[in-house]
Amino acid sequence: MLFHSTRGKDKDKTFEQVLMQGLADDGGLFIPDNWPKVDINKLKELDTFLDVAKYIVPMFTQSSFDKGEVEEVLNNTWHNFSEKDLIKIFDIDESTAILELFHGPTAAFKDFGLQLAAAFFNKTLQTQNKTAVVFGATSGDTGSAAIDACKEFDLIKSFILIPDGNMSEIQRKQMTTVDKSNVFPILVSGTFDDCQDIVKKGFSERSFLRDDQYLLAVNSINWVRIIGQICYYFYASLIVNKLSHPLNFSVPTGNFGNVFACYAASKMGMPLEKIIVAVNSNDILDRFFKNNDYSKKTVSETISPSMDISVASNFERLMYDFYLNRNSEACSNLYNNFPEYGIKIDDEMWQKSVDLFMSYSINDDSTYESMKFYNNEYNYVMDPHTAVAAKAVSSLKDKLKNKTIILSTAHPAKFPNALDNAGIISDDIPDNLSEVISKKEVASKLSASEDSIFNYIKENN
């Protein structure tokens, strides 16, 4: 299997090329040339998450690695999870369950995709005798998961920009207390958008790289992160009903990677009823699914910061594959003028949404109400992101058929202020989170200036 860009000009790429390149040269996102199809009966015979991963991942990697190589990588990929089989499912009632994806070392779902990406990064670097720089910006969970996934690999140096502002102390300290010679957390006196602009400029200029180095993308534009997430959708469906009936998945989302992974799993053969796209007051996705309006607006800070986005990067993949029927010219034309001009597609195309998608947007007050409701009614403590997805389910319940799975993407202990404000008391703090509170922060502090940050990377590279 090979890969190509949603915008058509960057194509015939191997898995390894897509892994190491991240963003396509034409500005688009990579997607497989075709969707591999699973054998549901074979999947039903599998027992563990790792078994499922060993079946799913090689479908995408065969252009670069044989199955034995991939299985060897996977045997050592997912580490330091508190649950033996990585995930846990909590039944709310007969029609609803919560899929807990926060049992990894950074207590967020991003451990799944980033540990997989880091393992393949390292294998490629060892084979090619090269090194790499990870350069990224974070609003919380991506940065800590990237640092944790890459810190044991000496061939990778991680430079993560951490903006002042809307993340919890625990989220920040998960990054700023990592004292490793190949980890460089940078506290930036600016917003997330400032940091993201600097990262984009860095990927364009690459002035701080040595000649023999790769510059690696760790956000969800990297296709390998999507593969790791596809695996847990299949595994969850296997646990819930042996893949026998279509499920609904309610997904709290910002950048749309987790939603697209669910969509990808359905294209590969996972039974699926509906995907509920759950967002906070930053509602570009809800506006599209409800009104065919995909236009950028100013970001507002909320108590669910990982969803505070103005543009959902991975949505381009869905636009290309689902709405435009893989018409790369049409996709390129839409995105060449975006975000200066919003996207509105032909009504007939947009009407396809009802076949697969529902959406819901809530504000902070409703998020608190959702946290309180599930705590009072079911004695279940959830973080604000999960509460957004849970509120969507309770509000849309009369329109849903079959069982619904709510994705819980972060441990509630990462958001103590939100719990306090909701009047929820919880003593369940994982060791990996409680330990960072007392650790000394070792991050560097820099201005939101590309020169100061690029020079800093040069000095430490």
Protein backbone atom coordinates (compact mmCIF):
# COMPACT_ATOMS: atom_id res chain seq x y z
CA MET A 1 0.00 0.00 0.00
CA LEU A 2 1.17 3.50 -0.89
CA PHE A 3 -0.07 6.91 0.23
CA HIS A 4 -0.96 10.22 -1.42
CA SER A 5 -1.92 13.76 -0.49
CA THR A 6 -5.50 14.97 -0.25
CA ARG A 7 -4.45 17.74 -2.66
CA GLY A 8 -3.09 15.34 -5.29
CA LYS A 9 0.45 16.48 -6.03
CA ASP A 10 2.39 14.47 -3.44
CA LYS A 11 1.81 10.78 -4.16
CA ASP A 12 3.28 7.27 -4.41
CA LYS A 13 4.73 7.55 -0.91
CA THR A 14 5.73 4.55 1.18
CA PHE A 15 4.69 4.15 4.81
CA GLU A 16 8.17 5.15 5.95
CA GLN A 17 8.15 8.29 3.82
CA VAL A 18 4.77 9.34 5.19
CA LEU A 19 5.94 8.56 8.73
CA MET A 20 9.00 10.77 8.49
CA GLN A 21 7.51 13.55 6.33
CA GLY A 22 4.30 14.23 8.27
CA LEU A 23 2.70 16.95 6.13
CA ALA A 24 2.54 16.54 2.35
CA ASP A 25 4.67 18.87 0.21
CA ASP A 26 1.57 20.36 -1.41
CA GLY A 27 0.11 21.31 1.97
CA GLY A 28 -2.35 18.43 2.07
CA LEU A 29 -2.57 15.44 4.39
CA PHE A 30 -1.53 11.91 3.55
CA ILE A 31 -4.12 9.18 3.15
CA PRO A 32 -3.78 5.56 1.97
CA ASP A 33 -4.35 4.90 -1.73
CA ASN A 34 -7.16 2.54 -0.74
CA TRP A 35 -8.82 1.33 2.43
CA PRO A 36 -7.65 -2.14 3.46
CA LYS A 37 -10.51 -4.45 4.42
CA VAL A 38 -10.48 -6.52 7.59
CA ASP A 39 -11.75 -10.07 7.96
CA ILE A 40 -14.32 -9.65 10.74
CA ASN A 41 -14.36 -13.39 11.48
CA LYS A 42 -10.60 -13.36 11.96
CA LEU A 43 -10.82 -10.32 14.23
CA LYS A 44 -13.44 -12.08 16.36
CA GLU A 45 -10.86 -14.75 17.21
CA LEU A 46 -8.45 -12.21 18.76
CA ASP A 47 -8.19 -11.60 22.49
CA THR A 48 -6.00 -8.58 23.31
CA PHE A 49 -5.36 -5.05 22.10
CA LEU A 50 -1.89 -6.14 20.95
CA ASP A 51 -3.42 -8.98 18.93
CA VAL A 52 -5.69 -6.48 17.19
CA ALA A 53 -2.79 -4.08 16.55
CA LYS A 54 -0.72 -6.89 15.05
CA TYR A 55 -3.58 -7.51 12.62
CA ILE A 56 -4.38 -3.86 11.77
CA VAL A 57 -0.99 -2.08 11.67
CA PRO A 58 0.72 -4.30 9.03
CA MET A 59 -2.07 -3.42 6.60
CA PHE A 60 -0.55 0.07 6.38
CA THR A 61 3.17 -0.68 6.75
CA GLN A 62 3.83 -3.32 4.10
CA SER A 63 5.45 -0.86 1.66
CA SER A 64 8.33 -0.38 4.12
CA PHE A 65 8.43 -3.26 6.64
CA ASP A 66 7.59 -6.94 6.55
CA LYS A 67 5.10 -8.36 9.03
CA GLY A 68 7.79 -9.84 11.28
CA GLU A 69 9.52 -6.47 11.64
CA VAL A 70 6.25 -4.76 12.48
CA GLU A 71 5.31 -7.36 15.09
CA GLU A 72 8.72 -6.92 16.72
CA VAL A 73 8.15 -3.16 16.92
CA LEU A 74 4.65 -3.63 18.33
CA ASN A 75 5.84 -6.01 21.05
CA ASN A 76 7.76 -3.09 22.55
CA THR A 77 5.52 -0.14 21.66
CA TRP A 78 2.81 0.44 24.27
CA HIS A 79 4.42 0.73 27.69
CA ASN A 80 3.67 1.93 31.22
CA PHE A 81 -0.10 1.50 30.99
CA SER A 82 -1.84 0.89 34.32
CA GLU A 83 -4.40 -1.42 32.72
CA LYS A 84 -3.09 -4.79 31.56
CA ASP A 85 -4.91 -4.51 28.24
CA LEU A 86 -4.49 -0.74 27.91
CA ILE A 87 -8.18 0.27 27.86
CA LYS A 88 -11.13 -0.13 30.21
CA ILE A 89 -14.87 0.01 29.56
CA PHE A 90 -17.31 1.31 32.18
CA ASP A 91 -20.98 0.49 31.58
CA ILE A 92 -23.30 3.39 32.39
CA ASP A 93 -26.44 1.43 31.51
CA GLU A 94 -27.57 -1.08 28.89
CA SER A 95 -27.38 1.49 26.10
CA THR A 96 -24.28 3.49 27.05
CA ALA A 97 -20.69 2.76 28.03
CA ILE A 98 -17.52 4.80 28.53
CA LEU A 99 -14.31 3.80 26.79
CA GLU A 100 -11.42 4.86 29.03
CA LEU A 101 -8.36 5.70 26.95
CA PHE A 102 -6.39 7.44 29.70
CA HIS A 103 -4.52 4.57 31.35
CA GLY A 104 -1.21 5.30 29.61
CA PRO A 105 1.80 7.07 31.14
CA THR A 106 0.54 10.60 30.42
CA ALA A 107 -3.11 9.78 31.30
CA ALA A 108 -4.47 10.76 27.88
CA PHE A 109 -5.56 8.93 24.72
CA LYS A 110 -2.67 10.40 22.78
CA ASP A 111 -0.31 7.81 24.26
CA PHE A 112 -1.73 5.28 21.81
CA GLY A 113 -0.82 7.11 18.60
CA LEU A 114 2.36 8.79 19.79
CA GLN A 115 3.96 5.67 21.26
CA LEU A 116 3.34 3.93 17.94
CA ALA A 117 4.80 6.84 15.96
CA ALA A 118 7.86 7.09 18.22
CA ALA A 119 8.59 3.37 17.91
CA PHE A 120 8.55 3.57 14.12
CA PHE A 121 10.55 6.84 14.16
CA ASN A 122 13.28 5.10 16.12
CA LYS A 123 13.33 2.01 13.90
CA THR A 124 13.73 4.14 10.78
CA LEU A 125 16.46 6.30 12.34
CA GLN A 126 18.41 3.23 13.43
CA THR A 127 18.15 1.72 9.96
CA GLN A 128 19.26 4.91 8.23
CA ASN A 129 21.83 5.88 10.88
CA LYS A 130 20.29 9.33 11.28
CA THR A 131 18.90 11.50 14.06
CA ALA A 132 15.75 13.60 14.30
CA VAL A 133 14.25 16.67 15.89
CA VAL A 134 10.67 16.63 17.12
CA PHE A 135 9.28 20.17 17.02
CA GLY A 136 5.75 20.87 18.14
CA ALA A 137 3.35 23.13 20.01
CA THR A 138 0.85 21.91 22.54
CA SER A 139 -2.30 22.99 24.32
CA GLY A 140 -1.73 20.21 26.84
CA ASP A 141 -1.84 16.48 26.15
CA THR A 142 -0.01 16.21 22.81
CA GLY A 143 3.20 17.70 24.20
CA SER A 144 3.40 15.44 27.24
CA ALA A 145 2.57 12.32 25.21
CA ALA A 146 5.19 13.23 22.57
CA ILE A 147 7.86 13.86 25.19
CA ASP A 148 7.11 10.63 27.03
CA ALA A 149 6.98 8.55 23.85
CA CYS A 150 10.30 9.86 22.49
CA LYS A 151 12.38 10.43 25.63
CA GLU A 152 13.92 6.93 25.74
CA PHE A 153 15.16 7.14 22.15
CA ASP A 154 18.56 8.85 22.06
CA LEU A 155 18.32 9.48 18.31
CA ILE A 156 15.39 11.88 18.86
CA LYS A 157 15.52 15.32 20.47
CA SER A 158 12.18 16.86 21.42
CA PHE A 159 11.54 20.62 21.45
CA ILE A 160 7.99 21.34 22.60
CA LEU A 161 6.56 24.87 22.79
CA ILE A 162 4.27 25.37 25.79
CA PRO A 163 2.21 28.59 25.71
CA ASP A 164 1.31 30.60 28.77
CA GLY A 165 -2.35 30.15 29.52
CA ASN A 166 -5.10 27.64 29.38
CA MET A 167 -3.76 24.32 30.65
CA SER A 168 -3.72 22.82 34.12
CA GLU A 169 -0.65 22.80 36.34
CA ILE A 170 -0.45 19.02 36.07
CA GLN A 171 -0.56 19.17 32.28
CA ARG A 172 2.24 21.74 32.25
CA LYS A 173 4.40 19.93 34.77
CA GLN A 174 4.12 16.67 32.85
CA MET A 175 6.32 18.41 30.31
CA THR A 176 8.36 20.91 32.29
CA THR A 177 9.65 18.44 34.89
CA VAL A 178 11.14 15.91 32.44
CA ASP A 179 14.88 16.11 33.09
CA LYS A 180 16.38 14.24 30.14
CA SER A 181 19.27 15.28 27.91
CA ASN A 182 17.17 14.87 24.76
CA VAL A 183 14.05 16.69 26.01
CA PHE A 184 13.65 20.48 25.77
CA PRO A 185 10.34 21.86 27.02
CA ILE A 186 10.07 25.57 26.21
CA LEU A 187 7.70 27.91 28.06
CA VAL A 188 6.70 30.59 25.56
CA SER A 189 5.35 34.02 26.49
CA GLY A 190 2.52 33.82 23.98
CA THR A 191 -0.62 31.98 22.95
CA PHE A 192 -0.99 28.53 21.42
CA ASP A 193 -1.59 30.18 18.04
CA ASP A 194 1.73 32.04 18.43
CA CYS A 195 3.48 28.76 19.14
CA GLN A 196 1.77 26.98 16.27
CA ASP A 197 2.78 29.75 13.84
CA ILE A 198 6.42 29.37 14.93
CA VAL A 199 6.26 25.60 14.45
CA LYS A 200 4.80 26.03 10.95
CA LYS A 201 7.60 28.49 10.11
CA GLY A 202 10.14 26.00 11.49
CA PHE A 203 8.86 23.25 9.23
CA SER A 204 9.00 25.63 6.29
CA GLU A 205 12.52 26.98 6.90
CA ARG A 206 14.22 24.08 8.79
CA SER A 207 17.14 26.42 9.49
CA PHE A 208 18.05 24.74 12.79
CA LEU A 209 18.45 21.23 11.36
CA ARG A 210 21.71 19.48 10.64
CA ASP A 211 22.17 17.97 7.19
CA ASP A 212 21.60 14.40 8.37
CA GLN A 213 18.47 15.10 10.42
CA TYR A 214 14.76 14.61 10.03
CA LEU A 215 12.22 17.11 11.35
CA LEU A 216 9.32 15.09 12.73
CA ALA A 217 5.65 16.04 13.08
CA VAL A 218 3.95 14.61 16.16
CA ASN A 219 0.52 16.21 15.96
CA SER A 220 -2.37 14.33 14.42
CA ILE A 221 -1.53 15.32 10.85
CA ASN A 222 0.94 12.39 11.02
CA TRP A 223 -0.88 9.38 9.59
CA VAL A 224 0.78 6.93 11.99
CA ARG A 225 -1.03 8.49 14.94
CA ILE A 226 -4.32 7.72 13.19
CA ILE A 227 -3.31 4.05 12.82
CA GLY A 228 -2.80 3.70 16.58
CA GLN A 229 -6.28 5.10 17.17
CA ILE A 230 -7.93 2.87 14.55
CA CYS A 231 -6.70 -0.08 16.61
CA TYR A 232 -8.61 0.87 19.75
CA TYR A 233 -11.88 1.39 17.87
CA PHE A 234 -11.68 -2.16 16.55
CA TYR A 235 -10.66 -3.49 19.96
CA ALA A 236 -13.47 -1.67 21.76
CA SER A 237 -16.00 -3.03 19.27
CA LEU A 238 -14.58 -6.50 19.80
CA ILE A 239 -14.99 -6.24 23.58
CA VAL A 240 -18.46 -4.69 23.51
CA ASN A 241 -20.21 -7.04 21.10
CA LYS A 242 -17.65 -9.10 19.14
CA LEU A 243 -18.14 -6.73 16.17
CA SER A 244 -21.62 -8.18 15.71
CA HIS A 245 -23.68 -4.94 15.68
CA PRO A 246 -22.98 -1.33 14.68
CA LEU A 247 -22.11 0.98 17.56
CA ASN A 248 -22.34 4.74 18.02
CA PHE A 249 -19.19 6.53 19.17
CA SER A 250 -19.36 9.93 20.84
CA VAL A 251 -16.00 11.60 20.36
CA PRO A 252 -14.84 14.80 22.09
CA THR A 253 -12.70 16.44 19.46
CA GLY A 254 -10.67 19.46 18.48
CA ASN A 255 -8.36 18.60 15.62
CA PHE A 256 -10.64 15.79 14.35
CA GLY A 257 -7.97 13.06 14.38
CA ASN A 258 -9.89 10.86 16.81
CA VAL A 259 -13.08 11.23 14.77
CA PHE A 260 -11.28 10.46 11.54
CA ALA A 261 -9.75 7.31 13.06
CA CYS A 262 -13.29 6.11 13.84
CA TYR A 263 -14.36 6.89 10.28
CA ALA A 264 -11.28 5.06 8.93
CA ALA A 265 -12.09 1.98 11.01
CA SER A 266 -15.59 1.95 9.51
CA LYS A 267 -14.13 2.17 5.99
CA MET A 268 -12.03 -0.88 6.85
CA GLY A 269 -15.07 -2.86 7.94
CA MET A 270 -15.85 -1.99 11.56
CA PRO A 271 -19.65 -1.96 12.07
CA LEU A 272 -20.65 1.65 12.76
CA GLU A 273 -24.02 3.31 13.30
CA LYS A 274 -23.15 6.98 13.95
CA ILE A 275 -20.21 9.15 14.96
CA ILE A 276 -21.23 11.93 17.33
CA VAL A 277 -18.84 14.87 16.88
CA ALA A 278 -18.82 16.57 20.29
CA VAL A 279 -17.20 19.99 20.67
CA ASN A 280 -17.10 22.85 23.15
CA SER A 281 -17.97 26.47 22.30
CA ASN A 282 -15.25 26.46 19.63
CA ASP A 283 -17.79 25.07 17.22
CA ILE A 284 -16.42 25.07 13.66
CA LEU A 285 -17.21 21.36 13.32
CA ASP A 286 -20.72 21.65 14.74
CA ARG A 287 -21.42 24.57 12.40
CA PHE A 288 -20.36 22.46 9.44
CA PHE A 289 -22.42 19.39 10.32
CA LYS A 290 -25.48 21.47 11.17
CA ASN A 291 -25.28 24.34 8.67
CA ASN A 292 -22.63 23.53 6.05
CA ASP A 293 -20.51 26.34 7.47
CA TYR A 294 -16.81 25.55 7.90
CA SER A 295 -15.39 28.99 8.63
CA LYS A 296 -12.67 30.05 11.04
CA LYS A 297 -13.56 32.14 14.10
CA THR A 298 -11.57 33.44 17.04
CA VAL A 299 -10.75 30.77 19.61
CA SER A 300 -12.25 31.13 23.07
CA GLU A 301 -10.63 29.54 26.11
CA THR A 302 -12.72 26.85 27.79
CA ILE A 303 -12.37 24.27 30.57
CA SER A 304 -11.76 21.63 27.88
CA PRO A 305 -8.56 23.15 26.44
CA SER A 306 -7.56 20.31 24.11
CA MET A 307 -10.61 21.19 22.04
CA ASP A 308 -9.90 24.92 21.85
CA ILE A 309 -9.18 25.17 18.12
CA SER A 310 -10.25 27.43 15.29
CA VAL A 311 -9.52 24.92 12.49
CA ALA A 312 -9.70 21.13 12.71
CA SER A 313 -6.68 19.98 10.69
CA ASN A 314 -7.79 16.38 10.10
CA PHE A 315 -11.15 17.44 8.74
CA GLU A 316 -9.46 17.82 5.35
CA ARG A 317 -9.08 14.04 5.20
CA LEU A 318 -12.82 13.57 5.69
CA MET A 319 -13.68 16.29 3.20
CA TYR A 320 -11.49 14.59 0.60
CA ASP A 321 -12.54 10.98 1.19
CA PHE A 322 -16.19 11.23 2.25
CA TYR A 323 -17.67 14.36 0.72
CA LEU A 324 -15.54 14.88 -2.40
CA ASN A 325 -15.17 11.18 -3.30
CA ARG A 326 -11.38 11.54 -3.42
CA ASN A 327 -11.39 14.42 -5.92
CA SER A 328 -8.02 15.97 -5.10
CA GLU A 329 -8.47 18.92 -7.45
CA ALA A 330 -11.71 19.91 -5.73
CA CYS A 331 -10.08 19.48 -2.32
CA SER A 332 -7.10 21.60 -3.32
CA ASN A 333 -9.38 24.35 -4.64
CA LEU A 334 -11.33 24.44 -1.37
CA TYR A 335 -8.26 24.58 0.85
CA ASN A 336 -6.16 26.93 -1.27
CA ASN A 337 -8.44 29.78 -0.14
CA PHE A 338 -9.00 28.54 3.41
CA PRO A 339 -9.07 29.88 6.10
CA GLU A 340 -9.28 33.33 4.53
CA TYR A 341 -12.55 32.15 3.01
CA GLY A 342 -14.80 29.63 4.71
CA ILE A 343 -15.74 26.33 3.11
CA LYS A 344 -19.29 25.60 1.98
CA ILE A 345 -19.83 22.57 -0.22
CA ASP A 346 -22.60 21.59 -2.61
CA ASP A 347 -25.79 20.83 -0.65
CA GLU A 348 -26.13 17.38 -2.19
CA MET A 349 -22.63 16.49 -1.00
CA TRP A 350 -23.24 17.99 2.44
CA GLN A 351 -26.47 16.01 2.89
CA LYS A 352 -24.34 12.85 3.08
CA SER A 353 -23.55 13.93 6.65
CA VAL A 354 -26.80 12.51 8.00
CA ASP A 355 -25.80 9.01 6.92
CA LEU A 356 -22.93 8.83 9.39
CA PHE A 357 -22.56 11.95 11.54
CA MET A 358 -24.30 13.82 14.33
CA SER A 359 -22.80 16.80 16.13
CA TYR A 360 -23.25 18.72 19.35
CA SER A 361 -21.67 21.82 20.90
CA ILE A 362 -21.82 22.88 24.56
CA ASN A 363 -20.43 25.71 26.67
CA ASP A 364 -18.57 25.51 29.98
CA ASP A 365 -21.71 25.74 32.13
CA SER A 366 -23.19 22.72 30.37
CA THR A 367 -19.89 20.91 30.70
CA TYR A 368 -19.95 21.38 34.47
CA GLU A 369 -23.57 20.20 34.53
CA SER A 370 -22.58 17.06 32.64
CA MET A 371 -19.72 16.32 35.05
CA LYS A 372 -22.09 16.75 38.02
CA PHE A 373 -24.83 14.61 36.44
CA TYR A 374 -22.62 11.57 35.80
CA ASN A 375 -21.01 11.90 39.21
CA ASN A 376 -24.35 12.11 41.03
CA GLU A 377 -26.28 9.56 38.98
CA TYR A 378 -23.58 6.97 38.25
CA ASN A 379 -20.80 7.77 40.72
CA TYR A 380 -18.53 8.32 37.72
CA VAL A 381 -15.94 11.09 37.69
CA MET A 382 -15.01 12.40 34.25
CA ASP A 383 -12.77 15.13 32.88
CA PRO A 384 -14.27 18.12 31.00
CA HIS A 385 -13.53 16.71 27.53
CA THR A 386 -15.31 13.45 28.29
CA ALA A 387 -18.16 15.47 29.80
CA VAL A 388 -18.67 17.23 26.46
CA ALA A 389 -19.07 13.89 24.68
CA ALA A 390 -21.29 12.55 27.48
CA LYS A 391 -23.59 15.59 27.32
CA ALA A 392 -23.94 15.09 23.58
CA VAL A 393 -25.13 11.52 24.17
CA SER A 394 -27.65 12.42 26.86
CA SER A 395 -29.03 15.21 24.65
CA LEU A 396 -29.25 13.10 21.48
CA LYS A 397 -30.28 9.82 23.11
CA ASP A 398 -33.76 9.73 21.58
CA LYS A 399 -32.23 9.89 18.10
CA LEU A 400 -29.69 7.11 18.63
CA LYS A 401 -30.07 3.45 17.73
CA ASN A 402 -27.98 0.64 19.22
CA LYS A 403 -25.37 1.01 21.96
CA THR A 404 -23.32 4.17 22.31
CA ILE A 405 -19.70 4.37 23.42
CA ILE A 406 -18.47 7.64 24.95
CA LEU A 407 -14.75 8.19 24.50
CA SER A 408 -13.00 9.29 27.68
CA THR A 409 -9.82 10.89 26.45
CA ALA A 410 -8.09 12.13 29.63
CA HIS A 411 -7.97 11.23 33.31
CA PRO A 412 -10.07 13.65 35.40
CA ALA A 413 -7.17 14.18 37.82
CA LYS A 414 -5.45 16.23 35.10
CA PHE A 415 -8.10 18.93 35.64
CA PRO A 416 -8.37 19.53 39.40
CA ASN A 417 -9.72 23.08 39.03
CA ALA A 418 -12.57 21.86 36.85
CA LEU A 419 -13.42 19.16 39.39
CA ASP A 420 -13.36 21.73 42.20
CA ASN A 421 -15.59 24.12 40.28
CA ALA A 422 -18.03 21.30 39.62
CA GLY A 423 -18.06 20.44 43.33
CA ILE A 424 -16.64 16.98 42.69
CA ILE A 425 -14.23 15.39 45.16
CA SER A 426 -12.00 12.62 43.88
CA ASP A 427 -8.99 11.01 45.51
CA ASP A 428 -8.22 8.91 42.44
CA ILE A 429 -4.92 10.39 41.30
CA PRO A 430 -2.65 8.02 39.35
CA ASP A 431 0.94 7.82 40.58
CA ASN A 432 2.25 9.12 37.26
CA LEU A 433 0.29 12.36 37.82
CA SER A 434 0.81 12.83 41.55
CA GLU A 435 4.57 12.43 41.18
CA VAL A 436 4.98 15.41 38.85
CA ILE A 437 3.42 17.90 41.26
CA SER A 438 6.43 17.86 43.60
CA LYS A 439 9.06 17.75 40.86
CA LYS A 440 11.17 20.76 39.94
CA GLU A 441 10.43 22.42 36.62
CA VAL A 442 13.40 22.48 34.25
CA ALA A 443 11.88 24.17 31.20
CA SER A 444 13.48 27.12 29.45
CA LYS A 445 11.51 30.37 29.13
CA LEU A 446 11.60 32.18 25.79
CA SER A 447 9.68 34.94 24.03
CA ALA A 448 7.27 34.15 21.23
CA SER A 449 9.96 35.00 18.70
CA GLU A 450 10.95 32.56 16.00
CA ASP A 451 14.56 33.83 16.10
CA SER A 452 14.98 33.18 19.81
CA ILE A 453 13.39 29.73 19.55
CA PHE A 454 15.24 28.68 16.39
CA ASN A 455 18.54 29.83 17.89
CA TYR A 456 17.78 27.90 21.07
CA ILE A 457 17.20 24.73 19.06
CA LYS A 458 20.46 25.27 17.15
CA GLU A 459 22.40 25.67 20.40
CA ASN A 460 20.98 22.46 21.83
CA ASN A 461 21.04 20.39 18.65
